Each structure stands twice: as structure tokens, then as C-alpha cells.
């Protein structure tokens, strides 16, 4: 019997689509929060799956639990979920996040939009390499134990290349991890 998988996103959900295609399996439910249309477009392939549940923009613990508690022992993954998971949920459930910043070596890249900060650091000669991590979610922002990391040399890399490489490395880690736990 397959383990339930709940995937959260706040942006487009494209990462979930790519992971699902690679795994040949969609999450049991995909959760997003309400956001103004001008801020994002949800990937149409998610809408076609009829798996999407929408929460208020800043869901309460109770609203999140109404979704999560429906599933027995789920794996919860965050893919650009721009909200902090409540501590009680972090403590009760196995939640994982992909982060496009090599926070194992550069803790200053924790938080939102690390790719931009990493690129600025690359241009300043501060970072000779960059990377992404997959970590357990705890109450602190990007503070959980890192399970997987991918790194690469940044010599001559431009911003669009950095975004693409980080995305590819993240997809690789997600697929490797999810094949083991689902």
C-alpha cells in the first residue's frame, strides 16, 4: 500500500508537476494558499488532476490540520510554500522542504529567494560554488536537519543558469528521496 503524500505550494506548483511525472505518481492532495492572480499562475497540469485544495492566504493550524488529518501517516512536502508551518504540525508530522540555497555552508541563504542572494554573492566573489538542500521542516525557518544536498561550481554562471541548475538539482533530490519514502 502506498504512503499518502501531501504537497504544498504557494507559487506555480511546477516543481510538483515535474516530480510527479518523474515518479509516475501524483500526490494524494496538493495544497495551495489563496493569492492574488497577479502574483502567480497555477500550473495547468495541477488543475487538470483535480487534486487541488485551497486554503486562506495565511491558513491557521486548524485549517491545515483539517487537510492533513484526513490522511494516515502522510509524507508532507513543501515546494515553494511561502508560509511557516505551525510548530505543533512540525512536531507531529514528517514534513520536508527543498531549499535552493546551500545552507549547510552558507547559513545566510536561509529564508526567501536565496537564489538572488547567492547570485549577488557569486558576482562579488563570495561564493565559488552553490547548491540546494532537502531538509526536515521544524518550527524555525530552514533550521531542520539536512537530508540531501547538491552542490556545483559557479564559475561563469549567469542568473538564469543558476535558477535552472538549482531547480534541476532540487528535482533530482526530491525524486531520489520520495522514491525511498513513498
N, C-alpha and C. Protein backbone atom coordinates (compact mmCIF):
# COMPACT_ATOMS: atom_id res chain seq x y z
N UNK A 1 0.85 -1.18 0.00
CA UNK A 1 0.00 0.00 0.00
C UNK A 1 0.89 1.25 0.00
N UNK A 2 0.54 2.19 -0.83
CA UNK A 2 1.38 3.38 -0.93
C UNK A 2 1.10 4.36 0.22
N UNK A 3 2.15 5.05 0.60
CA UNK A 3 2.05 6.02 1.69
C UNK A 3 1.42 7.31 1.17
N UNK A 4 0.53 7.93 1.93
CA UNK A 4 -0.08 9.19 1.48
C UNK A 4 0.96 10.30 1.36
N UNK A 5 0.79 11.12 0.33
CA UNK A 5 1.70 12.22 0.05
C UNK A 5 0.87 13.50 -0.11
N UNK A 6 1.20 14.49 0.71
CA UNK A 6 0.56 15.81 0.64
C UNK A 6 1.62 16.81 0.21
N UNK A 7 1.38 17.52 -0.88
CA UNK A 7 2.34 18.50 -1.39
C UNK A 7 1.75 19.91 -1.29
N UNK A 8 2.53 20.83 -0.74
CA UNK A 8 2.11 22.22 -0.57
C UNK A 8 2.92 23.13 -1.49
N UNK A 9 2.25 24.16 -2.03
CA UNK A 9 2.96 25.20 -2.79
C UNK A 9 2.21 26.52 -2.68
N UNK A 10 2.94 27.63 -2.88
CA UNK A 10 2.34 28.95 -2.90
C UNK A 10 2.57 29.68 -4.21
N UNK A 11 3.43 29.12 -5.06
CA UNK A 11 3.76 29.82 -6.30
C UNK A 11 3.06 29.16 -7.47
N UNK A 12 3.76 28.46 -8.36
CA UNK A 12 3.09 27.88 -9.54
C UNK A 12 2.76 26.40 -9.39
N UNK A 13 3.52 25.69 -8.57
CA UNK A 13 3.33 24.25 -8.45
C UNK A 13 4.05 23.45 -9.52
N UNK A 14 4.82 24.11 -10.36
CA UNK A 14 5.52 23.41 -11.45
C UNK A 14 6.47 22.34 -10.96
N UNK A 15 7.11 22.57 -9.82
CA UNK A 15 8.02 21.56 -9.29
C UNK A 15 7.26 20.28 -8.96
N UNK A 16 6.07 20.41 -8.42
CA UNK A 16 5.24 19.23 -8.10
C UNK A 16 4.90 18.47 -9.38
N UNK A 17 4.59 19.20 -10.43
CA UNK A 17 4.28 18.56 -11.72
C UNK A 17 5.48 17.76 -12.22
N UNK A 18 6.65 18.36 -12.20
CA UNK A 18 7.85 17.68 -12.70
C UNK A 18 8.20 16.46 -11.86
N UNK A 19 8.08 16.57 -10.56
CA UNK A 19 8.35 15.43 -9.68
C UNK A 19 7.34 14.32 -9.94
N UNK A 20 6.08 14.69 -10.04
CA UNK A 20 5.02 13.70 -10.27
C UNK A 20 5.23 12.94 -11.57
N UNK A 21 5.62 13.65 -12.61
CA UNK A 21 5.88 12.99 -13.90
C UNK A 21 7.06 12.02 -13.77
N UNK A 22 8.10 12.45 -13.09
CA UNK A 22 9.27 11.59 -12.93
C UNK A 22 8.95 10.34 -12.10
N UNK A 23 8.17 10.51 -11.04
CA UNK A 23 7.81 9.39 -10.17
C UNK A 23 6.68 8.55 -10.74
N UNK A 24 5.98 9.10 -11.74
CA UNK A 24 4.77 8.46 -12.28
C UNK A 24 3.73 8.28 -11.17
N UNK A 25 3.66 9.30 -10.35
CA UNK A 25 2.69 9.31 -9.25
C UNK A 25 2.43 10.76 -8.83
N UNK A 26 1.17 11.09 -8.69
CA UNK A 26 0.78 12.41 -8.20
C UNK A 26 0.59 12.33 -6.69
N UNK A 27 0.74 13.47 -5.99
CA UNK A 27 0.40 13.48 -4.56
C UNK A 27 -1.07 13.09 -4.39
N UNK A 28 -1.43 12.69 -3.19
CA UNK A 28 -2.82 12.39 -2.90
C UNK A 28 -3.65 13.66 -2.85
N UNK A 29 -3.02 14.73 -2.43
CA UNK A 29 -3.65 16.05 -2.43
C UNK A 29 -2.55 17.10 -2.60
N UNK A 30 -2.90 18.16 -3.30
CA UNK A 30 -1.98 19.29 -3.50
C UNK A 30 -2.66 20.50 -2.87
N UNK A 31 -1.92 21.17 -2.00
CA UNK A 31 -2.49 22.28 -1.23
C UNK A 31 -1.79 23.58 -1.63
N UNK A 32 -2.60 24.60 -1.85
CA UNK A 32 -2.05 25.94 -2.09
C UNK A 32 -2.85 26.93 -1.27
N UNK A 33 -2.28 28.11 -1.12
CA UNK A 33 -2.99 29.16 -0.40
C UNK A 33 -3.49 30.20 -1.39
N UNK A 34 -4.59 30.88 -1.02
CA UNK A 34 -5.15 31.91 -1.88
C UNK A 34 -4.14 33.04 -2.05
N UNK A 35 -3.92 33.43 -3.29
CA UNK A 35 -3.03 34.55 -3.59
C UNK A 35 -3.64 35.31 -4.74
N UNK A 36 -3.38 36.59 -4.82
CA UNK A 36 -3.91 37.36 -5.96
C UNK A 36 -3.39 36.81 -7.28
N UNK A 37 -4.25 36.78 -8.29
CA UNK A 37 -3.89 36.26 -9.60
C UNK A 37 -2.65 36.95 -10.17
N UNK A 38 -2.49 38.22 -9.88
CA UNK A 38 -1.34 38.95 -10.42
C UNK A 38 -0.01 38.44 -9.86
N UNK A 39 -0.05 37.68 -8.76
CA UNK A 39 1.17 37.19 -8.14
C UNK A 39 1.61 35.82 -8.65
N UNK A 40 0.71 35.09 -9.28
CA UNK A 40 1.08 33.76 -9.76
C UNK A 40 0.02 33.16 -10.66
N UNK A 41 0.47 32.19 -11.44
CA UNK A 41 -0.41 31.37 -12.26
C UNK A 41 -0.14 29.93 -11.89
N UNK A 42 -1.16 29.23 -11.48
CA UNK A 42 -1.00 27.82 -11.11
C UNK A 42 -0.80 26.99 -12.37
N UNK A 43 0.16 26.09 -12.34
CA UNK A 43 0.44 25.21 -13.45
C UNK A 43 -0.84 24.48 -13.85
N UNK A 44 -1.19 24.53 -15.13
CA UNK A 44 -2.45 23.96 -15.61
C UNK A 44 -2.54 22.45 -15.39
N UNK A 45 -1.39 21.76 -15.36
CA UNK A 45 -1.42 20.31 -15.17
C UNK A 45 -1.88 19.94 -13.76
N UNK A 46 -1.66 20.82 -12.81
CA UNK A 46 -2.18 20.58 -11.45
C UNK A 46 -3.70 20.71 -11.48
N UNK A 47 -4.18 21.73 -12.15
CA UNK A 47 -5.63 21.94 -12.23
C UNK A 47 -6.33 20.77 -12.92
N UNK A 48 -5.67 20.15 -13.88
CA UNK A 48 -6.24 19.02 -14.61
C UNK A 48 -6.37 17.77 -13.74
N UNK A 49 -5.59 17.67 -12.67
CA UNK A 49 -5.58 16.48 -11.83
C UNK A 49 -6.73 16.43 -10.83
N UNK A 50 -7.38 17.53 -10.60
CA UNK A 50 -8.48 17.60 -9.64
C UNK A 50 -8.04 17.16 -8.24
N UNK A 51 -6.83 17.59 -7.86
CA UNK A 51 -6.28 17.24 -6.54
C UNK A 51 -6.08 18.47 -5.67
N UNK A 52 -6.38 19.63 -6.20
CA UNK A 52 -6.02 20.89 -5.55
C UNK A 52 -7.03 21.30 -4.48
N UNK A 53 -6.48 21.63 -3.31
CA UNK A 53 -7.25 22.18 -2.20
C UNK A 53 -6.65 23.55 -1.91
N UNK A 54 -7.50 24.55 -1.76
CA UNK A 54 -7.02 25.90 -1.50
C UNK A 54 -7.37 26.32 -0.08
N UNK A 55 -6.37 26.87 0.61
CA UNK A 55 -6.56 27.39 1.96
C UNK A 55 -6.62 28.91 1.89
N UNK A 56 -7.00 29.56 2.98
CA UNK A 56 -6.84 31.01 3.01
C UNK A 56 -5.37 31.38 2.82
N UNK A 57 -5.09 32.63 2.49
CA UNK A 57 -3.72 33.06 2.23
C UNK A 57 -2.79 32.73 3.39
N UNK A 58 -3.25 32.95 4.61
CA UNK A 58 -2.47 32.62 5.80
C UNK A 58 -3.27 31.63 6.64
N UNK A 59 -3.20 30.35 6.27
CA UNK A 59 -4.05 29.36 6.96
C UNK A 59 -3.66 29.18 8.43
N UNK A 60 -4.67 28.92 9.23
CA UNK A 60 -4.44 28.63 10.64
C UNK A 60 -4.02 27.18 10.80
N UNK A 61 -3.54 26.86 11.99
CA UNK A 61 -3.18 25.47 12.29
C UNK A 61 -4.40 24.57 12.11
N UNK A 62 -5.54 25.03 12.57
CA UNK A 62 -6.77 24.24 12.45
C UNK A 62 -7.10 23.97 10.98
N UNK A 63 -6.98 24.98 10.14
CA UNK A 63 -7.29 24.82 8.71
C UNK A 63 -6.33 23.83 8.04
N UNK A 64 -5.06 23.88 8.44
CA UNK A 64 -4.09 22.94 7.89
C UNK A 64 -4.37 21.52 8.37
N UNK A 65 -4.69 21.39 9.65
CA UNK A 65 -4.97 20.06 10.20
C UNK A 65 -6.21 19.42 9.59
N UNK A 66 -7.18 20.22 9.19
CA UNK A 66 -8.37 19.67 8.54
C UNK A 66 -8.01 18.91 7.27
N UNK A 67 -6.95 19.33 6.61
CA UNK A 67 -6.48 18.64 5.41
C UNK A 67 -5.58 17.47 5.79
N UNK A 68 -4.59 17.74 6.61
CA UNK A 68 -3.56 16.75 6.94
C UNK A 68 -4.13 15.55 7.68
N UNK A 69 -5.03 15.78 8.62
CA UNK A 69 -5.55 14.69 9.46
C UNK A 69 -6.42 13.69 8.70
N UNK A 70 -6.80 14.04 7.51
CA UNK A 70 -7.59 13.13 6.69
C UNK A 70 -6.76 11.90 6.27
N UNK A 71 -5.43 12.06 6.25
CA UNK A 71 -4.52 11.02 5.77
C UNK A 71 -3.78 10.37 6.92
N UNK A 72 -3.59 9.07 6.82
CA UNK A 72 -2.88 8.31 7.85
C UNK A 72 -1.39 8.30 7.55
N UNK A 73 -0.60 8.88 8.47
CA UNK A 73 0.86 8.85 8.38
C UNK A 73 1.39 9.41 7.04
N UNK A 74 0.99 10.63 6.68
CA UNK A 74 1.42 11.15 5.37
C UNK A 74 2.86 11.67 5.38
N UNK A 75 3.44 11.69 4.19
CA UNK A 75 4.67 12.45 3.93
C UNK A 75 4.19 13.78 3.40
N UNK A 76 4.68 14.86 3.99
CA UNK A 76 4.28 16.21 3.58
C UNK A 76 5.49 16.89 2.98
N UNK A 77 5.32 17.43 1.78
CA UNK A 77 6.43 18.11 1.11
C UNK A 77 6.04 19.55 0.80
N UNK A 78 7.02 20.43 0.91
CA UNK A 78 6.81 21.86 0.65
C UNK A 78 7.61 22.26 -0.59
N UNK A 79 6.94 22.87 -1.55
CA UNK A 79 7.55 23.24 -2.83
C UNK A 79 7.25 24.71 -3.10
N UNK A 80 8.01 25.57 -2.46
CA UNK A 80 7.72 26.99 -2.61
C UNK A 80 6.49 27.39 -1.79
N UNK A 81 6.28 26.71 -0.68
CA UNK A 81 5.19 27.06 0.26
C UNK A 81 5.71 28.24 1.07
N UNK A 82 5.12 29.38 0.89
CA UNK A 82 5.64 30.61 1.49
C UNK A 82 4.99 30.94 2.83
N UNK A 83 4.73 29.91 3.59
CA UNK A 83 4.15 30.07 4.92
C UNK A 83 4.94 29.21 5.90
N UNK A 84 4.95 29.62 7.15
CA UNK A 84 5.60 28.85 8.20
C UNK A 84 4.61 27.81 8.72
N UNK A 85 5.04 26.57 8.77
CA UNK A 85 4.19 25.53 9.33
C UNK A 85 4.19 25.67 10.85
N UNK A 86 3.03 25.60 11.48
CA UNK A 86 2.96 25.72 12.94
C UNK A 86 3.81 24.65 13.64
N UNK A 87 4.42 25.02 14.77
CA UNK A 87 5.29 24.07 15.50
C UNK A 87 4.62 22.74 15.81
N UNK A 88 3.35 22.77 16.23
CA UNK A 88 2.67 21.51 16.56
C UNK A 88 2.58 20.57 15.36
N UNK A 89 2.36 21.13 14.18
CA UNK A 89 2.29 20.30 12.97
C UNK A 89 3.68 19.78 12.63
N UNK A 90 4.69 20.63 12.77
CA UNK A 90 6.09 20.20 12.51
C UNK A 90 6.48 19.06 13.43
N UNK A 91 6.05 19.11 14.67
CA UNK A 91 6.40 18.08 15.64
C UNK A 91 5.63 16.78 15.43
N UNK A 92 4.42 16.88 14.92
CA UNK A 92 3.54 15.72 14.78
C UNK A 92 3.73 14.95 13.46
N UNK A 93 4.12 15.66 12.40
CA UNK A 93 4.16 15.05 11.06
C UNK A 93 5.55 15.13 10.45
N UNK A 94 5.78 14.25 9.48
CA UNK A 94 7.05 14.26 8.74
C UNK A 94 6.89 15.20 7.55
N UNK A 95 7.56 16.34 7.66
CA UNK A 95 7.45 17.40 6.66
C UNK A 95 8.85 17.69 6.13
N UNK A 96 8.94 17.85 4.81
CA UNK A 96 10.23 18.09 4.16
C UNK A 96 10.12 19.28 3.22
N UNK A 97 11.23 19.99 3.08
CA UNK A 97 11.29 21.18 2.24
C UNK A 97 12.53 21.13 1.37
N UNK A 98 12.39 21.55 0.14
CA UNK A 98 13.54 21.74 -0.73
C UNK A 98 13.92 23.21 -0.66
N UNK A 99 15.20 23.50 -0.52
CA UNK A 99 15.65 24.89 -0.42
C UNK A 99 16.77 25.14 -1.43
N UNK A 100 16.60 26.13 -2.31
CA UNK A 100 17.59 26.39 -3.36
C UNK A 100 18.74 27.28 -2.89
N UNK A 101 19.25 26.97 -1.73
CA UNK A 101 20.42 27.65 -1.18
C UNK A 101 21.21 26.64 -0.38
N UNK A 102 22.52 26.68 -0.50
CA UNK A 102 23.38 25.71 0.17
C UNK A 102 23.59 26.15 1.62
N UNK A 103 22.55 25.97 2.42
CA UNK A 103 22.55 26.48 3.80
C UNK A 103 23.48 25.69 4.71
N UNK A 104 23.95 24.54 4.27
CA UNK A 104 24.93 23.80 5.06
C UNK A 104 26.25 24.55 5.13
N UNK A 105 26.60 25.23 4.06
CA UNK A 105 27.84 26.00 4.00
C UNK A 105 27.61 27.50 4.17
N UNK A 106 26.44 27.96 3.76
CA UNK A 106 26.14 29.39 3.77
C UNK A 106 24.80 29.64 4.48
N UNK A 107 24.79 29.59 5.81
CA UNK A 107 23.53 29.74 6.54
C UNK A 107 22.83 31.07 6.27
N UNK A 108 23.55 32.06 5.78
CA UNK A 108 22.94 33.34 5.45
C UNK A 108 21.96 33.22 4.28
N UNK A 109 21.92 32.08 3.61
CA UNK A 109 20.99 31.87 2.49
C UNK A 109 19.67 31.25 2.94
N UNK A 110 19.45 31.14 4.25
CA UNK A 110 18.16 30.67 4.74
C UNK A 110 17.12 31.73 4.43
N UNK A 111 15.87 31.29 4.27
CA UNK A 111 14.78 32.23 4.01
C UNK A 111 14.42 32.31 2.53
N UNK A 112 13.64 33.33 2.22
CA UNK A 112 13.07 33.51 0.89
C UNK A 112 14.11 34.00 -0.13
N UNK A 113 13.98 33.54 -1.35
CA UNK A 113 14.77 33.97 -2.51
C UNK A 113 16.28 33.85 -2.34
N UNK A 114 16.79 32.70 -1.89
CA UNK A 114 18.24 32.56 -1.72
C UNK A 114 19.00 32.59 -3.04
N UNK A 115 18.31 32.27 -4.15
CA UNK A 115 18.99 32.25 -5.43
C UNK A 115 19.54 33.64 -5.78
N UNK A 116 18.75 34.66 -5.53
CA UNK A 116 19.17 36.03 -5.84
C UNK A 116 20.35 36.42 -4.96
N UNK A 117 20.24 36.11 -3.68
CA UNK A 117 21.34 36.44 -2.76
C UNK A 117 22.60 35.65 -3.10
N UNK A 118 22.44 34.39 -3.50
CA UNK A 118 23.59 33.59 -3.90
C UNK A 118 24.23 34.19 -5.16
N UNK A 119 23.42 34.58 -6.11
CA UNK A 119 23.96 35.15 -7.34
C UNK A 119 24.74 36.44 -7.05
N UNK A 120 24.18 37.27 -6.20
CA UNK A 120 24.90 38.50 -5.82
C UNK A 120 26.24 38.16 -5.18
N UNK A 121 26.25 37.13 -4.32
CA UNK A 121 27.49 36.68 -3.69
C UNK A 121 28.48 36.09 -4.68
N UNK A 122 27.96 35.42 -5.69
CA UNK A 122 28.83 34.87 -6.74
C UNK A 122 29.52 36.02 -7.48
N UNK A 123 28.75 37.03 -7.84
CA UNK A 123 29.30 38.18 -8.58
C UNK A 123 30.33 38.94 -7.74
N UNK A 124 30.15 38.93 -6.43
CA UNK A 124 31.10 39.61 -5.53
C UNK A 124 32.31 38.74 -5.22
N UNK A 125 32.32 37.50 -5.70
CA UNK A 125 33.41 36.58 -5.42
C UNK A 125 33.32 35.91 -4.07
N UNK A 126 32.16 36.01 -3.44
CA UNK A 126 31.94 35.44 -2.11
C UNK A 126 31.71 33.92 -2.16
N UNK A 127 31.06 33.45 -3.23
CA UNK A 127 30.73 32.03 -3.35
C UNK A 127 31.35 31.47 -4.62
N UNK A 128 32.17 30.44 -4.48
CA UNK A 128 32.74 29.75 -5.64
C UNK A 128 31.87 28.57 -6.05
N UNK A 129 30.95 28.21 -5.20
CA UNK A 129 30.02 27.14 -5.52
C UNK A 129 28.67 27.47 -4.89
N UNK A 130 27.67 26.80 -5.39
CA UNK A 130 26.30 27.00 -4.90
C UNK A 130 25.65 25.62 -4.81
N UNK A 131 24.43 25.58 -4.35
CA UNK A 131 23.74 24.31 -4.27
C UNK A 131 22.37 24.43 -3.65
N UNK A 132 21.77 23.28 -3.47
CA UNK A 132 20.42 23.19 -2.91
C UNK A 132 20.41 22.07 -1.88
N UNK A 133 19.44 22.12 -0.98
CA UNK A 133 19.31 21.09 0.05
C UNK A 133 17.86 20.62 0.14
N UNK A 134 17.71 19.45 0.70
CA UNK A 134 16.40 18.92 1.09
C UNK A 134 16.50 18.69 2.59
N UNK A 135 15.59 19.30 3.35
CA UNK A 135 15.69 19.21 4.80
C UNK A 135 14.36 18.94 5.47
N UNK A 136 14.44 18.43 6.67
CA UNK A 136 13.26 18.21 7.51
C UNK A 136 12.76 19.58 7.96
N UNK A 137 11.46 19.74 8.05
CA UNK A 137 10.88 21.01 8.48
C UNK A 137 10.67 20.98 9.98
N UNK A 138 11.17 22.03 10.63
CA UNK A 138 10.95 22.27 12.06
C UNK A 138 10.39 23.68 12.18
N UNK A 139 10.10 24.09 13.39
CA UNK A 139 9.45 25.39 13.60
C UNK A 139 10.28 26.57 13.09
N UNK A 140 11.60 26.50 13.12
CA UNK A 140 12.44 27.59 12.64
C UNK A 140 12.58 27.56 11.12
N UNK A 141 12.78 28.71 10.50
CA UNK A 141 12.89 28.81 9.04
C UNK A 141 14.18 28.14 8.57
N UNK A 142 14.05 27.11 7.76
CA UNK A 142 15.18 26.38 7.18
C UNK A 142 16.18 25.90 8.23
N UNK A 143 15.66 25.48 9.39
CA UNK A 143 16.51 25.05 10.50
C UNK A 143 16.60 23.54 10.65
N UNK A 144 15.75 22.80 9.96
CA UNK A 144 15.71 21.35 10.15
C UNK A 144 16.92 20.63 9.59
N UNK A 145 17.07 19.38 10.02
CA UNK A 145 18.21 18.56 9.60
C UNK A 145 18.22 18.38 8.09
N UNK A 146 19.37 18.64 7.48
CA UNK A 146 19.54 18.47 6.04
C UNK A 146 19.72 16.98 5.74
N UNK A 147 18.91 16.47 4.82
CA UNK A 147 18.97 15.06 4.44
C UNK A 147 19.79 14.84 3.18
N UNK A 148 19.67 15.74 2.23
CA UNK A 148 20.40 15.65 0.97
C UNK A 148 20.87 17.03 0.57
N UNK A 149 22.00 17.08 -0.12
CA UNK A 149 22.46 18.34 -0.69
C UNK A 149 23.15 18.08 -2.01
N UNK A 150 23.06 19.04 -2.88
CA UNK A 150 23.71 19.01 -4.18
C UNK A 150 24.45 20.32 -4.34
N UNK A 151 25.69 20.27 -4.81
CA UNK A 151 26.48 21.49 -4.99
C UNK A 151 27.14 21.47 -6.36
N UNK A 152 27.51 22.65 -6.83
CA UNK A 152 28.15 22.77 -8.14
C UNK A 152 29.00 24.04 -8.17
N UNK A 153 29.97 24.05 -9.07
CA UNK A 153 30.86 25.18 -9.26
C UNK A 153 30.09 26.30 -9.96
N UNK A 154 30.31 27.53 -9.56
CA UNK A 154 29.56 28.66 -10.11
C UNK A 154 30.37 29.49 -11.10
N UNK A 155 31.53 29.00 -11.52
CA UNK A 155 32.36 29.78 -12.43
C UNK A 155 31.59 30.11 -13.71
N UNK A 156 31.47 31.41 -13.98
CA UNK A 156 30.83 31.88 -15.21
C UNK A 156 29.33 31.71 -15.28
N UNK A 157 28.69 31.32 -14.19
CA UNK A 157 27.24 31.08 -14.23
C UNK A 157 26.47 32.41 -14.19
N UNK A 158 25.44 32.50 -15.01
CA UNK A 158 24.56 33.67 -15.03
C UNK A 158 23.29 33.35 -14.24
N UNK A 159 22.52 34.38 -13.93
CA UNK A 159 21.36 34.20 -13.05
C UNK A 159 20.38 33.16 -13.57
N UNK A 160 20.03 33.21 -14.86
CA UNK A 160 19.07 32.23 -15.38
C UNK A 160 19.64 30.81 -15.32
N UNK A 161 20.95 30.66 -15.53
CA UNK A 161 21.58 29.34 -15.41
C UNK A 161 21.54 28.87 -13.96
N UNK A 162 21.79 29.78 -13.04
CA UNK A 162 21.77 29.44 -11.62
C UNK A 162 20.39 28.90 -11.23
N UNK A 163 19.34 29.60 -11.63
CA UNK A 163 17.98 29.15 -11.34
C UNK A 163 17.73 27.76 -11.93
N UNK A 164 18.14 27.54 -13.18
CA UNK A 164 17.92 26.25 -13.85
C UNK A 164 18.68 25.12 -13.17
N UNK A 165 19.95 25.36 -12.85
CA UNK A 165 20.76 24.32 -12.21
C UNK A 165 20.21 23.98 -10.83
N UNK A 166 19.86 25.02 -10.07
CA UNK A 166 19.29 24.77 -8.74
C UNK A 166 17.99 23.97 -8.84
N UNK A 167 17.16 24.31 -9.81
CA UNK A 167 15.90 23.59 -10.00
C UNK A 167 16.18 22.13 -10.36
N UNK A 168 17.10 21.91 -11.29
CA UNK A 168 17.42 20.54 -11.69
C UNK A 168 17.97 19.73 -10.53
N UNK A 169 18.83 20.33 -9.74
CA UNK A 169 19.40 19.62 -8.58
C UNK A 169 18.32 19.32 -7.54
N UNK A 170 17.42 20.27 -7.36
CA UNK A 170 16.31 20.04 -6.41
C UNK A 170 15.40 18.91 -6.88
N UNK A 171 15.07 18.90 -8.16
CA UNK A 171 14.23 17.83 -8.69
C UNK A 171 14.90 16.47 -8.51
N UNK A 172 16.18 16.41 -8.77
CA UNK A 172 16.92 15.16 -8.57
C UNK A 172 16.81 14.69 -7.12
N UNK A 173 17.03 15.60 -6.16
CA UNK A 173 16.96 15.22 -4.74
C UNK A 173 15.56 14.79 -4.35
N UNK A 174 14.54 15.55 -4.79
CA UNK A 174 13.16 15.20 -4.46
C UNK A 174 12.83 13.79 -4.95
N UNK A 175 13.18 13.51 -6.20
CA UNK A 175 12.83 12.20 -6.75
C UNK A 175 13.57 11.08 -6.02
N UNK A 176 14.83 11.30 -5.74
CA UNK A 176 15.62 10.29 -5.01
C UNK A 176 14.98 10.04 -3.64
N UNK A 177 14.66 11.11 -2.92
CA UNK A 177 14.09 11.00 -1.59
C UNK A 177 12.70 10.35 -1.62
N UNK A 178 11.83 10.85 -2.48
CA UNK A 178 10.45 10.35 -2.50
C UNK A 178 10.36 8.90 -2.95
N UNK A 179 11.24 8.46 -3.82
CA UNK A 179 11.24 7.04 -4.21
C UNK A 179 11.50 6.15 -3.00
N UNK A 180 12.26 6.65 -2.04
CA UNK A 180 12.58 5.87 -0.85
C UNK A 180 11.47 5.88 0.20
N UNK A 181 10.75 6.98 0.32
CA UNK A 181 9.81 7.11 1.44
C UNK A 181 8.33 6.90 1.08
N UNK A 182 8.00 6.97 -0.18
CA UNK A 182 6.58 6.80 -0.55
C UNK A 182 6.23 5.35 -0.78
